[in-house]
C-alpha atoms as a PDB file:
ATOM      1  CA  MET A   1      59.942  99.046  35.285  1.00  0.00           C
ATOM      2  CA  ASN A   2      62.482 101.628  36.008  1.00  0.00           C
ATOM      3  CA  SER A   3      61.526 105.195  36.752  1.00  0.00           C
ATOM      4  CA  GLU A   4      63.586 107.908  35.409  1.00  0.00           C
ATOM      5  CA  GLU A   5      65.373 108.355  38.787  1.00  0.00           C
ATOM      6  CA  GLU A   6      66.842 104.913  38.225  1.00  0.00           C
ATOM      7  CA  ILE A   7      67.912 105.480  34.553  1.00  0.00           C
ATOM      8  CA  ARG A   8      71.626 105.907  34.411  1.00  0.00           C
ATOM      9  CA  VAL A   9      72.615 108.963  32.327  1.00  0.00           C
ATOM     10  CA  ILE A  10      76.019 108.470  30.670  1.00  0.00           C
ATOM     11  CA  ASP A  11      77.394 112.067  29.616  1.00  0.00           C
ATOM     12  CA  VAL A  12      80.223 111.626  27.333  1.00  0.00           C
ATOM     13  CA  THR A  13      80.517 115.318  26.670  1.00  0.00           C
ATOM     14  CA  GLY A  14      84.294 116.055  26.428  1.00  0.00           C
ATOM     15  CA  ASN A  15      85.122 112.365  27.296  1.00  0.00           C
ATOM     16  CA  PRO A  16      86.172 110.536  24.128  1.00  0.00           C
ATOM     17  CA  LYS A  17      87.149 107.435  26.188  1.00  0.00           C
ATOM     18  CA  GLU A  18      83.580 107.075  27.836  1.00  0.00           C
ATOM     19  CA  ARG A  19      82.211 107.741  24.189  1.00  0.00           C
ATOM     20  CA  GLU A  20      84.197 104.837  22.945  1.00  0.00           C
ATOM     21  CA  ASN A  21      83.231 102.650  25.939  1.00  0.00           C
ATOM     22  CA  VAL A  22      79.691 103.142  24.923  1.00  0.00           C
ATOM     23  CA  LEU A  23      80.072 102.582  21.209  1.00  0.00           C
ATOM     24  CA  THR A  24      82.116  99.281  21.757  1.00  0.00           C
ATOM     25  CA  GLY A  25      79.762  98.137  24.611  1.00  0.00           C
ATOM     26  CA  ALA A  26      82.617  98.242  27.033  1.00  0.00           C
ATOM     27  CA  ILE A  27      80.302  99.867  29.600  1.00  0.00           C
ATOM     28  CA  PHE A  28      78.460  96.688  29.843  1.00  0.00           C
ATOM     29  CA  PRO A  29      79.662  94.233  32.576  1.00  0.00           C
ATOM     30  CA  LYS A  30      80.450  90.626  31.469  1.00  0.00           C
ATOM     31  CA  THR A  31      79.129  87.671  33.476  1.00  0.00           C
ATOM     32  CA  LYS A  32      78.782  84.007  32.986  1.00  0.00           C
ATOM     33  CA  ASP A  33      75.540  82.391  31.787  1.00  0.00           C
ATOM     34  CA  GLU A  34      74.173  79.000  33.106  1.00  0.00           C
ATOM     35  CA  ASN A  35      76.520  77.261  30.682  1.00  0.00           C
ATOM     36  CA  GLY A  36      79.487  79.147  31.949  1.00  0.00           C
ATOM     37  CA  LEU A  37      79.930  81.261  28.913  1.00  0.00           C
ATOM     38  CA  MET A  38      80.708  84.944  29.023  1.00  0.00           C
ATOM     39  CA  VAL A  39      77.814  87.224  28.224  1.00  0.00           C
ATOM     40  CA  MET A  40      77.281  90.921  28.184  1.00  0.00           C
ATOM     41  CA  LYS A  41      75.006  92.151  30.975  1.00  0.00           C
ATOM     42  CA  ASP A  42      72.804  94.700  29.296  1.00  0.00           C
ATOM     43  CA  PHE A  43      71.084  97.597  31.003  1.00  0.00           C
ATOM     44  CA  PRO A  44      69.060 100.677  30.134  1.00  0.00           C
ATOM     45  CA  PHE A  45      70.679 104.011  30.114  1.00  0.00           C
ATOM     46  CA  VAL A  46      70.608 107.552  28.510  1.00  0.00           C
ATOM     47  CA  TYR A  47      73.521 108.568  26.379  1.00  0.00           C
ATOM     48  CA  ARG A  48      74.042 112.237  26.306  1.00  0.00           C
ATOM     49  CA  ASP A  49      76.524 114.293  24.429  1.00  0.00           C
ATOM     50  CA  GLN A  50      75.852 118.019  25.001  1.00  0.00           C
ATOM     51  CA  LYS A  51      78.539 119.018  22.399  1.00  0.00           C
ATOM     52  CA  ILE A  52      76.486 117.638  19.582  1.00  0.00           C
ATOM     53  CA  GLN A  53      73.209 118.231  21.503  1.00  0.00           C
ATOM     54  CA  LEU A  54      72.055 114.571  21.581  1.00  0.00           C
ATOM     55  CA  ALA A  55      70.406 112.415  24.122  1.00  0.00           C
ATOM     56  CA  VAL A  56      69.369 108.730  23.518  1.00  0.00           C
ATOM     57  CA  TYR A  57      67.560 106.646  25.777  1.00  0.00           C
ATOM     58  CA  TYR A  58      68.505 102.994  25.223  1.00  0.00           C
ATOM     59  CA  CYS A  59      65.782 100.687  26.770  1.00  0.00           C
ATOM     60  CA  PRO A  60      66.313  97.063  25.783  1.00  0.00           C
ATOM     61  CA  TYR A  61      63.781  95.519  27.951  1.00  0.00           C
ATOM     62  CA  ALA A  62      60.595  97.273  26.868  1.00  0.00           C
ATOM     63  CA  PRO A  63      58.828  98.463  23.755  1.00  0.00           C
ATOM     64  CA  VAL A  64      59.734 101.907  22.891  1.00  0.00           C
ATOM     65  CA  ASP A  65      56.347 103.050  23.364  1.00  0.00           C
ATOM     66  CA  GLU A  66      56.369 101.745  27.032  1.00  0.00           C
ATOM     67  CA  ALA A  67      59.834 103.294  27.419  1.00  0.00           C
ATOM     68  CA  ALA A  68      58.491 106.723  26.557  1.00  0.00           C
ATOM     69  CA  GLU A  69      55.810 106.529  29.206  1.00  0.00           C
ATOM     70  CA  LYS A  70      58.360 106.210  31.945  1.00  0.00           C
ATOM     71  CA  LEU A  71      59.965 109.451  31.378  1.00  0.00           C
ATOM     72  CA  SER A  72      58.654 112.489  33.258  1.00  0.00           C
ATOM     73  CA  ASP A  73      58.522 115.882  31.713  1.00  0.00           C
ATOM     74  CA  ASN A  74      61.041 117.172  34.197  1.00  0.00           C
ATOM     75  CA  PHE A  75      63.423 114.426  33.208  1.00  0.00           C
ATOM     76  CA  LEU A  76      62.933 115.215  29.561  1.00  0.00           C
ATOM     77  CA  LYS A  77      63.455 119.000  30.103  1.00  0.00           C
ATOM     78  CA  GLU A  78      66.718 118.276  32.067  1.00  0.00           C
ATOM     79  CA  LEU A  79      67.991 116.108  29.129  1.00  0.00           C
ATOM     80  CA  THR A  80      67.097 118.554  26.397  1.00  0.00           C
ATOM     81  CA  ALA A  81      67.687 121.910  28.318  1.00  0.00           C
ATOM     82  CA  GLN A  82      70.283 122.979  25.848  1.00  0.00           C
ATOM     83  CA  GLY A  83      68.193 122.123  22.797  1.00  0.00           C
ATOM     84  CA  GLY A  84      69.047 119.405  20.460  1.00  0.00           C
ATOM     85  CA  VAL A  85      67.652 115.864  19.771  1.00  0.00           C
ATOM     86  CA  PHE A  86      66.271 113.325  21.986  1.00  0.00           C
ATOM     87  CA  ARG A  87      65.410 109.832  20.865  1.00  0.00           C
ATOM     88  CA  ILE A  88      64.544 106.468  22.308  1.00  0.00           C
ATOM     89  CA  THR A  89      65.668 102.943  20.833  1.00  0.00           C
ATOM     90  CA  ASP A  90      65.510  99.440  22.003  1.00  0.00           C
ATOM     91  CA  THR A  91      68.415  98.048  20.225  1.00  0.00           C
ATOM     92  CA  PHE A  92      72.107  98.671  20.829  1.00  0.00           C
ATOM     93  CA  ASN A  93      73.069  98.848  17.128  1.00  0.00           C
ATOM     94  CA  ARG A  94      70.288 101.630  16.533  1.00  0.00           C
ATOM     95  CA  LEU A  95      71.771 103.523  19.611  1.00  0.00           C
ATOM     96  CA  VAL A  96      75.189 103.537  18.009  1.00  0.00           C
ATOM     97  CA  GLU A  97      73.656 104.516  14.639  1.00  0.00           C
ATOM     98  CA  LYS A  98      71.891 107.451  16.146  1.00  0.00           C
ATOM     99  CA  ILE A  99      75.157 108.608  17.570  1.00  0.00           C
ATOM    100  CA  LEU A 100      77.200 108.227  14.467  1.00  0.00           C
ATOM    101  CA  ILE A 101      74.389 110.053  12.492  1.00  0.00           C
ATOM    102  CA  ARG A 102      74.515 113.096  14.768  1.00  0.00           C
ATOM    103  CA  GLU A 103      78.087 113.281  14.888  1.00  0.00           C
ATOM    104  CA  ALA A 104      78.128 113.352  11.052  1.00  0.00           C
ATOM    105  CA  GLY A 105      75.999 116.556  11.333  1.00  0.00           C
ATOM    106  CA  LEU A 106      73.075 114.541   9.667  1.00  0.00           C
ATOM    107  CA  ASP A 107      69.415 114.332  10.766  1.00  0.00           C
ATOM    108  CA  ASP A 108      68.230 110.836  11.467  1.00  0.00           C
ATOM    109  CA  ARG A 109      64.873 111.508   9.822  1.00  0.00           C
ATOM    110  CA  PHE A 110      66.469 111.952   6.458  1.00  0.00           C
ATOM    111  CA  ILE A 111      68.650 108.860   6.964  1.00  0.00           C
ATOM    112  CA  GLU A 112      65.412 106.829   7.544  1.00  0.00           C
ATOM    113  CA  ILE A 113      64.184 108.244   4.347  1.00  0.00           C
ATOM    114  CA  ILE A 114      67.268 107.462   2.481  1.00  0.00           C
ATOM    115  CA  LYS A 115      67.069 103.694   3.892  1.00  0.00           C
ATOM    116  CA  ILE A 116      63.572 103.477   2.542  1.00  0.00           C
ATOM    117  CA  LEU A 117      64.715 104.637  -0.870  1.00  0.00           C
ATOM    118  CA  ALA A 118      67.693 102.370  -0.901  1.00  0.00           C
ATOM    119  CA  ILE A 119      65.503  99.318   0.030  1.00  0.00           C
ATOM    120  CA  SER A 120      63.140  99.913  -2.748  1.00  0.00           C
ATOM    121  CA  GLN A 121      65.787 100.344  -5.370  1.00  0.00           C
ATOM    122  CA  SER A 122      68.031  97.465  -4.111  1.00  0.00           C
ATOM    123  CA  ALA A 123      64.957  95.233  -3.993  1.00  0.00           C
ATOM    124  CA  LYS A 124      64.477  95.311  -7.616  1.00  0.00           C
ATOM    125  CA  LYS A 125      67.943  93.404  -7.955  1.00  0.00           C
ATOM    126  CA  ASN A 126      67.831  91.610  -4.710  1.00  0.00           C
ATOM    127  CA  PRO A 127      64.229  90.937  -3.415  1.00  0.00           C
ATOM    128  CA  GLY A 128      65.803  89.345  -0.088  1.00  0.00           C
ATOM    129  CA  ILE A 129      67.280  92.877   0.782  1.00  0.00           C
ATOM    130  CA  ALA A 130      63.759  93.994   1.967  1.00  0.00           C
ATOM    131  CA  LYS A 131      64.286  91.568   4.951  1.00  0.00           C
ATOM    132  CA  ALA A 132      67.524  92.921   5.931  1.00  0.00           C
ATOM    133  CA  VAL A 133      68.211  95.726   8.525  1.00  0.00           C
ATOM    134  CA  PRO A 134      69.954  98.660   7.162  1.00  0.00           C
ATOM    135  CA  LEU A 135      72.401 100.389   9.497  1.00  0.00           C
ATOM    136  CA  PHE A 136      74.154 103.845   8.802  1.00  0.00           C
ATOM    137  CA  SER A 137      78.003 104.080   8.946  1.00  0.00           C
ATOM    138  CA  PRO A 138      80.274 107.023   8.026  1.00  0.00           C
ATOM    139  CA  LYS A 139      83.307 106.413   5.696  1.00  0.00           C
ATOM    140  CA  SER A 140      84.524 109.923   5.548  1.00  0.00           C
ATOM    141  CA  ASP A 141      83.293 113.560   6.247  1.00  0.00           C
ATOM    142  CA  ASP A 142      81.194 113.472   3.043  1.00  0.00           C
ATOM    143  CA  GLU A 143      80.900 109.684   2.386  1.00  0.00           C
ATOM    144  CA  PHE A 144      78.536 107.367   4.036  1.00  0.00           C
ATOM    145  CA  GLN A 145      76.947 103.971   3.565  1.00  0.00           C
ATOM    146  CA  LEU A 146      74.113 101.703   4.532  1.00  0.00           C
ATOM    147  CA  ASP A 147      75.006  98.202   5.402  1.00  0.00           C
ATOM    148  CA  PHE A 148      72.253  95.745   5.175  1.00  0.00           C
ATOM    149  CA  TYR A 149      72.427  93.047   7.858  1.00  0.00           C
ATOM    150  CA  LEU A 150      70.479  89.684   7.995  1.00  0.00           C
ATOM    151  CA  ALA A 151      71.177  87.123  10.534  1.00  0.00           C
ATOM    152  CA  GLY A 152      74.401  88.869  11.533  1.00  0.00           C
ATOM    153  CA  THR A 153      75.992  88.995   8.136  1.00  0.00           C
ATOM    154  CA  ILE A 154      76.020  91.982   5.587  1.00  0.00           C
ATOM    155  CA  GLN A 155      73.766  91.153   2.629  1.00  0.00           C
ATOM    156  CA  GLY A 156      74.610  94.348   0.820  1.00  0.00           C
ATOM    157  CA  THR A 157      75.923  97.797   0.920  1.00  0.00           C
ATOM    158  CA  VAL A 158      74.487 101.094  -0.457  1.00  0.00           C
ATOM    159  CA  PRO A 159      77.057 104.159  -0.589  1.00  0.00           C
ATOM    160  CA  PHE A 160      75.727 107.702  -0.541  1.00  0.00           C
ATOM    161  CA  ASP A 161      77.354 111.144  -0.275  1.00  0.00           C
ATOM    162  CA  ARG A 162      76.504 114.310   1.296  1.00  0.00           C
ATOM    163  CA  GLU A 163      75.130 115.629  -1.868  1.00  0.00           C
ATOM    164  CA  LEU A 164      72.487 112.909  -2.058  1.00  0.00           C
ATOM    165  CA  TYR A 165      71.675 113.561   1.607  1.00  0.00           C
ATOM    166  CA  ARG A 166      71.066 117.434   0.798  1.00  0.00           C
ATOM    167  CA  SER A 167      68.768 116.385  -2.146  1.00  0.00           C
ATOM    168  CA  VAL A 168      66.685 114.124   0.060  1.00  0.00           C
ATOM    169  CA  GLU A 169      66.630 116.809   2.760  1.00  0.00           C
ATOM    170  CA  LYS A 170      65.546 119.391   0.242  1.00  0.00           C
ATOM    171  CA  ASP A 171      62.873 117.108  -1.351  1.00  0.00           C
ATOM    172  CA  PHE A 172      61.417 115.760   1.923  1.00  0.00           C
ATOM    173  CA  GLY A 173      62.155 118.781   4.417  1.00  0.00           C
ATOM    174  CA  ALA A 174      58.621 120.231   4.518  1.00  0.00           C
ATOM    175  CA  MET A 175      57.031 116.777   4.831  1.00  0.00           C
ATOM    176  CA  ALA A 176      59.483 115.688   7.568  1.00  0.00           C
ATOM    177  CA  ASP A 177      58.928 119.001   9.519  1.00  0.00           C
ATOM    178  CA  SER A 178      55.171 118.478   9.477  1.00  0.00           C
ATOM    179  CA  THR A 179      55.319 114.989  10.663  1.00  0.00           C
ATOM    180  CA  PRO A 180      55.616 114.716  14.456  1.00  0.00           C
ATOM    181  CA  VAL A 181      58.187 112.514  16.166  1.00  0.00           C
ATOM    182  CA  THR A 182      55.789 110.616  18.381  1.00  0.00           C
ATOM    183  CA  GLY A 183      57.289 108.906  21.474  1.00  0.00           C
ATOM    184  CA  TRP A 184      60.771 110.241  20.424  1.00  0.00           C
ATOM    185  CA  VAL A 185      61.178 107.416  17.933  1.00  0.00           C
ATOM    186  CA  VAL A 186      62.449 107.890  14.372  1.00  0.00           C
ATOM    187  CA  ASP A 187      62.513 104.721  12.387  1.00  0.00           C
ATOM    188  CA  SER A 188      60.871 103.227   9.269  1.00  0.00           C
ATOM    189  CA  GLY A 189      57.334 103.655  10.973  1.00  0.00           C
ATOM    190  CA  TRP A 190      57.888 107.264  11.261  1.00  0.00           C
ATOM    191  CA  VAL A 191      58.695 107.371   7.529  1.00  0.00           C
ATOM    192  CA  ASP A 192      55.410 105.453   6.890  1.00  0.00           C
ATOM    193  CA  ARG A 193      53.521 108.012   8.874  1.00  0.00           C
ATOM    194  CA  MET A 194      55.064 110.889   6.944  1.00  0.00           C
ATOM    195  CA  LEU A 195      54.305 109.339   3.584  1.00  0.00           C
ATOM    196  CA  ASP A 196      50.645 108.435   4.656  1.00  0.00           C
ATOM    197  CA  GLN A 197      50.137 112.055   5.862  1.00  0.00           C
ATOM    198  CA  ALA A 198      51.489 113.358   2.601  1.00  0.00           C
ATOM    199  CA  HIS A 199      48.861 111.296   0.592  1.00  0.00           C
ATOM    200  CA  GLN A 200      45.960 112.313   2.579  1.00  0.00           C
END
């Protein structure tokens, strides 16, 4: 277990090349496995961009609830001193997604709600889509989409625009604001808690 003193902070503020290195995985050193094949050597780190007020702790080797326990209040205060959003994730694709959502000026809480709505609608035509993992990607300033991945291939795509996003934000804003982000994790579990709380 690493302490926060051992966690590398990669601050990409004003450094587009470093941002690209993170998004493409170029920051990870390559090494050979026991079969002589090149593999990426993963490591935990905090991605920080003060311009968009985002910090994400990427912790691939521990459950996110354990990752949260490793961080002291002082470390968190330092990361969020300028305000903004702090999240924890244990998969690289989710890290990239959190970055792209914030850069698009969107709130990951409402994107997770849109994912649930998209799955429930898409599953009516394609029941297998419920097993796929939806990931956000921007297409333009006002056009976005969810790509549904299963076993490394896209099973379907659901486009949406900023107008739909604003509608979800309006409809679910009060519920979202009253649902705490426990452990700095926003995912489908957070949406479930929000809906359960609303029905109590």
